[in-house]
Every structure is written in structure tokens, then in C-alpha cells.
Amino acid sequence: IQAVSPIITIIPDTSYTVMNLQIKISSSEDTEISLDSGRNQFHTYQIVRDMAPISVSMPGEIKIYGDAGKIISFEIFEHKNDNNIRNEIIDFNISKLMKLKSLSVSNIRLKKIDLSKNVLLESLEMSNSFLTDISLENNKKLEILKLSHNNLNKINLNENKLLRILDLSHNRIKNIDLSKNK
């Protein structure tokens, strides 16, 4: 399946080394995705609700094509390379995943992410990601938020009234206003 434009784009800073990623996708119904790891070599995967994790060695950008309306969960994890260096992802675009409910992006250097179009997001885990800024005002359905071990100085959770689990440990945040939350 090769669409006009990818539903997910991951562009690393490749000045260091090859990234070794593990990707797992869940869907609301059976579907298939096509993955291009930057060399126009497409690999097609069937997703029957849950996809077994796939490993990708990434010398360049990854593009994932498919039906964005069926993707409800996306997980990505970087395995450290032999030098213990973690590359930085300079662009991680998931804006087309409008039905995304769960996102887990851990152990990846990602300083910023735009989640403004992922309004159905209920669970977000981005620990050990070097985040310096995040906006969650549009993510009003968020129940689980785990952003530990980042570089956040502040965070606005006034619109996230459904939060049940919150982990902001090991950041630079001094004060958090939760007075508008349950």
C-alpha cells in the first residue's frame, strides 16, 4: 500500500550512526501498512488488530503508508547502539493519525512533538526523550501521561481534566497547577 503521502514520517539526524528501532502498531480493524526505510524498498505488514513488533535499522528517514483512520496505537523504541549513542529524530510527524488513542515514544531523542491533531489521544508515554517543550491543550481525552526523564521546564495541564496517571519526575518543572483537574 503506497499512498500519496505517508501517514507517519520519522526523520533522524543521521550524523551519528544507524538507528535501530522497534515499531509496533495497533489498529481498530484489520488493515495493512507499507514501510519504506528510506531506500524505496517497501515492506508490507498485515495488522490484525495488533502487529508483532518489527525491527528496523534506519540509515535515513522512515515513511509508513496505510489507512491513517484505522491506526489507534503507535509504539516506537530505539535500541542503543554499540557506542551507547542515541540519535536525535528531527521530525516525527503523526498528524494524520487522527484516531490515535495511544502513543509510546521512549528512549528516543525527540526535543519537540506536535500532538495538536491527535485529539483522541488517551495515553502518552514519552520518557527519556529529551523533550524541552510539549503542548497538550488539544488532548482533552488524555488519561495517562508519562513524561519522566526529559528536559521540561513547564507544562500546562489545565485542559487535561481526565488525567488519572501523571509522571513528570526527573524534569526541571518546579510548579504544576492541577487545580482544574479532577
Protein backbone atom coordinates (compact mmCIF):
# COMPACT_ATOMS: atom_id res chain seq x y z
CA ILE A 1 0.00 0.00 0.00
CA GLN A 2 1.65 3.18 -1.10
CA ALA A 3 -0.41 6.27 -0.57
CA VAL A 4 0.22 9.70 -1.99
CA SER A 5 1.80 10.79 1.28
CA PRO A 6 2.93 8.83 4.33
CA ILE A 7 0.79 8.63 7.47
CA ILE A 8 3.91 8.63 9.68
CA THR A 9 7.27 10.20 8.91
CA ILE A 10 10.37 9.77 11.07
CA ILE A 11 13.45 11.75 10.05
CA PRO A 12 16.58 11.24 12.15
CA ASP A 13 19.69 13.32 12.44
CA THR A 14 21.89 10.78 10.68
CA SER A 15 25.17 12.46 11.50
CA TYR A 16 25.91 9.83 14.13
CA THR A 17 25.04 6.26 13.25
CA VAL A 18 22.25 3.94 12.12
CA MET A 19 19.21 3.87 14.40
CA ASN A 20 17.86 0.51 15.49
CA LEU A 21 14.16 0.94 16.12
CA GLN A 22 11.35 -1.32 17.19
CA ILE A 23 7.89 -0.33 15.95
CA LYS A 24 4.51 -1.71 16.99
CA ILE A 25 1.15 -0.58 15.61
CA SER A 26 -2.40 -1.49 16.65
CA SER A 27 -5.48 -0.85 14.56
CA SER A 28 -9.22 -0.64 15.09
CA GLU A 29 -9.75 -3.25 12.37
CA ASP A 30 -7.64 -5.45 10.13
CA THR A 31 -5.51 -3.43 7.75
CA GLU A 32 -2.06 -3.36 6.22
CA ILE A 33 0.75 -0.87 6.25
CA SER A 34 3.71 -0.36 3.99
CA LEU A 35 7.04 0.73 5.43
CA ASP A 36 9.76 2.47 3.42
CA SER A 37 13.03 2.75 5.33
CA GLY A 38 14.47 5.37 3.02
CA ARG A 39 15.68 3.24 0.15
CA ASN A 40 12.34 2.88 -1.68
CA GLN A 41 12.24 -0.72 -0.51
CA PHE A 42 8.70 -1.22 0.69
CA HIS A 43 7.81 -3.90 3.19
CA THR A 44 4.12 -4.66 3.69
CA TYR A 45 2.75 -5.85 7.04
CA GLN A 46 -0.70 -7.17 7.86
CA ILE A 47 -2.14 -5.78 11.06
CA VAL A 48 -4.79 -7.97 12.62
CA ARG A 49 -5.68 -5.63 15.49
CA ASP A 50 -2.15 -5.88 16.94
CA MET A 51 1.06 -6.09 14.96
CA ALA A 52 4.03 -8.01 16.26
CA PRO A 53 6.89 -5.60 16.85
CA ILE A 54 9.12 -5.11 13.82
CA SER A 55 12.76 -4.12 13.98
CA VAL A 56 14.08 -1.51 11.60
CA SER A 57 17.67 -0.40 11.09
CA MET A 58 17.37 3.14 9.93
CA PRO A 59 20.12 4.83 7.92
CA GLY A 60 17.67 7.54 6.87
CA GLU A 61 14.04 8.50 7.15
CA ILE A 62 11.21 6.06 7.60
CA LYS A 63 7.85 6.55 5.93
CA ILE A 64 4.82 4.47 6.81
CA TYR A 65 1.86 4.31 4.45
CA GLY A 66 -1.62 2.96 5.11
CA ASP A 67 -5.08 3.90 6.29
CA ALA A 68 -4.49 6.53 9.00
CA GLY A 69 -8.11 6.21 10.14
CA LYS A 70 -7.52 2.67 11.40
CA ILE A 71 -4.36 3.26 13.47
CA ILE A 72 -5.18 3.59 17.17
CA SER A 73 -1.85 2.80 18.84
CA PHE A 74 1.75 3.51 17.84
CA GLU A 75 4.84 2.48 19.78
CA ILE A 76 8.44 3.17 18.83
CA PHE A 77 11.56 2.38 20.82
CA GLU A 78 15.23 2.82 19.99
CA HIS A 79 17.71 0.15 20.99
CA LYS A 80 21.00 1.76 21.92
CA ASN A 81 23.80 1.09 19.50
CA ASP A 82 27.24 -0.27 20.43
CA ASN A 83 28.52 3.22 21.30
CA ASN A 84 25.54 3.95 23.58
CA ILE A 85 24.73 6.94 21.36
CA ARG A 86 21.10 7.84 20.80
CA ASN A 87 20.38 9.71 17.61
CA GLU A 88 18.00 12.62 17.54
CA ILE A 89 14.84 12.47 15.50
CA ILE A 90 14.47 15.91 13.92
CA ASP A 91 10.96 15.33 12.55
CA PHE A 92 8.32 12.92 13.83
CA ASN A 93 5.04 13.59 12.06
CA ILE A 94 1.94 11.68 13.19
CA SER A 95 -0.59 14.44 12.48
CA LYS A 96 -2.56 12.21 10.07
CA LEU A 97 -3.27 9.67 12.82
CA MET A 98 -6.45 11.44 13.93
CA LYS A 99 -7.86 8.33 15.65
CA LEU A 100 -4.68 7.63 17.62
CA LYS A 101 -5.50 6.77 21.23
CA SER A 102 -2.12 5.62 22.50
CA LEU A 103 1.39 6.82 21.71
CA SER A 104 4.57 5.47 23.25
CA VAL A 105 7.85 7.04 22.15
CA SER A 106 10.53 6.24 24.70
CA ASN A 107 14.31 6.31 24.67
CA ILE A 108 14.43 8.46 21.55
CA ARG A 109 15.95 11.93 21.42
CA LEU A 110 12.98 13.99 20.37
CA LYS A 111 13.00 17.56 21.63
CA LYS A 112 9.55 18.56 20.39
CA ILE A 113 6.38 16.91 19.05
CA ASP A 114 3.12 18.28 17.66
CA LEU A 115 0.09 16.40 19.03
CA SER A 116 -2.46 19.12 18.28
CA LYS A 117 -4.34 16.99 15.71
CA ASN A 118 -4.32 13.82 17.82
CA VAL A 119 -7.35 14.91 19.85
CA LEU A 120 -8.46 11.35 20.74
CA LEU A 121 -5.16 10.59 22.50
CA GLU A 122 -5.83 8.90 25.86
CA SER A 123 -2.34 7.64 26.73
CA LEU A 124 1.00 9.31 26.08
CA GLU A 125 4.36 7.93 27.16
CA MET A 126 7.50 9.79 26.15
CA SER A 127 10.06 9.03 28.82
CA ASN A 128 13.78 9.53 28.26
CA SER A 129 13.10 11.55 25.14
CA PHE A 130 14.95 14.84 25.82
CA LEU A 131 11.70 16.79 25.41
CA THR A 132 12.05 20.50 26.08
CA ASP A 133 8.52 21.54 25.15
CA ILE A 134 5.11 19.94 24.71
CA SER A 135 1.63 21.32 24.20
CA LEU A 136 -1.33 19.19 25.32
CA GLU A 137 -4.15 21.73 25.22
CA ASN A 138 -5.95 19.88 22.39
CA ASN A 139 -5.56 16.46 24.03
CA LYS A 140 -8.55 16.73 26.35
CA LYS A 141 -9.15 12.96 26.50
CA LEU A 142 -5.69 12.29 27.95
CA GLU A 143 -5.90 9.95 30.97
CA ILE A 144 -2.32 8.68 31.20
CA LEU A 145 0.66 10.98 30.84
CA LYS A 146 4.20 9.72 31.43
CA LEU A 147 6.92 12.23 30.56
CA SER A 148 9.63 11.31 33.07
CA HIS A 149 13.33 11.91 32.46
CA ASN A 150 13.02 14.79 29.99
CA ASN A 151 14.11 18.43 29.99
CA LEU A 152 10.73 20.09 30.56
CA ASN A 153 10.69 23.39 32.48
CA LYS A 154 6.92 23.85 32.41
CA ILE A 155 3.75 22.13 31.30
CA ASN A 156 0.16 23.29 31.04
CA LEU A 157 -2.37 20.62 32.08
CA ASN A 158 -5.39 22.89 32.51
CA GLU A 159 -7.28 21.27 29.61
CA ASN A 160 -6.42 17.70 30.63
CA LYS A 161 -9.16 17.21 33.19
CA LEU A 162 -9.39 13.42 32.77
CA LEU A 163 -5.81 12.68 33.89
CA ARG A 164 -5.63 9.63 36.16
CA ILE A 165 -1.92 8.82 35.93
CA LEU A 166 0.75 11.51 35.79
CA ASP A 167 4.52 11.03 35.88
CA LEU A 168 6.66 14.12 35.34
CA SER A 169 9.53 13.01 37.55
CA HIS A 170 13.11 13.89 36.68
CA ASN A 171 12.30 17.06 34.76
CA ARG A 172 13.04 20.71 35.56
CA ILE A 173 9.45 21.57 36.45
CA LYS A 174 9.12 23.48 39.71
CA ASN A 175 5.33 24.01 39.89
CA ILE A 176 2.34 22.30 38.31
CA ASP A 177 -1.17 23.70 38.51
CA LEU A 178 -3.64 20.79 38.74
CA SER A 179 -6.44 22.80 40.34
CA LYS A 180 -8.65 22.40 37.24
CA ASN A 181 -8.15 18.64 37.08
CA LYS A 182 -10.25 16.01 38.87
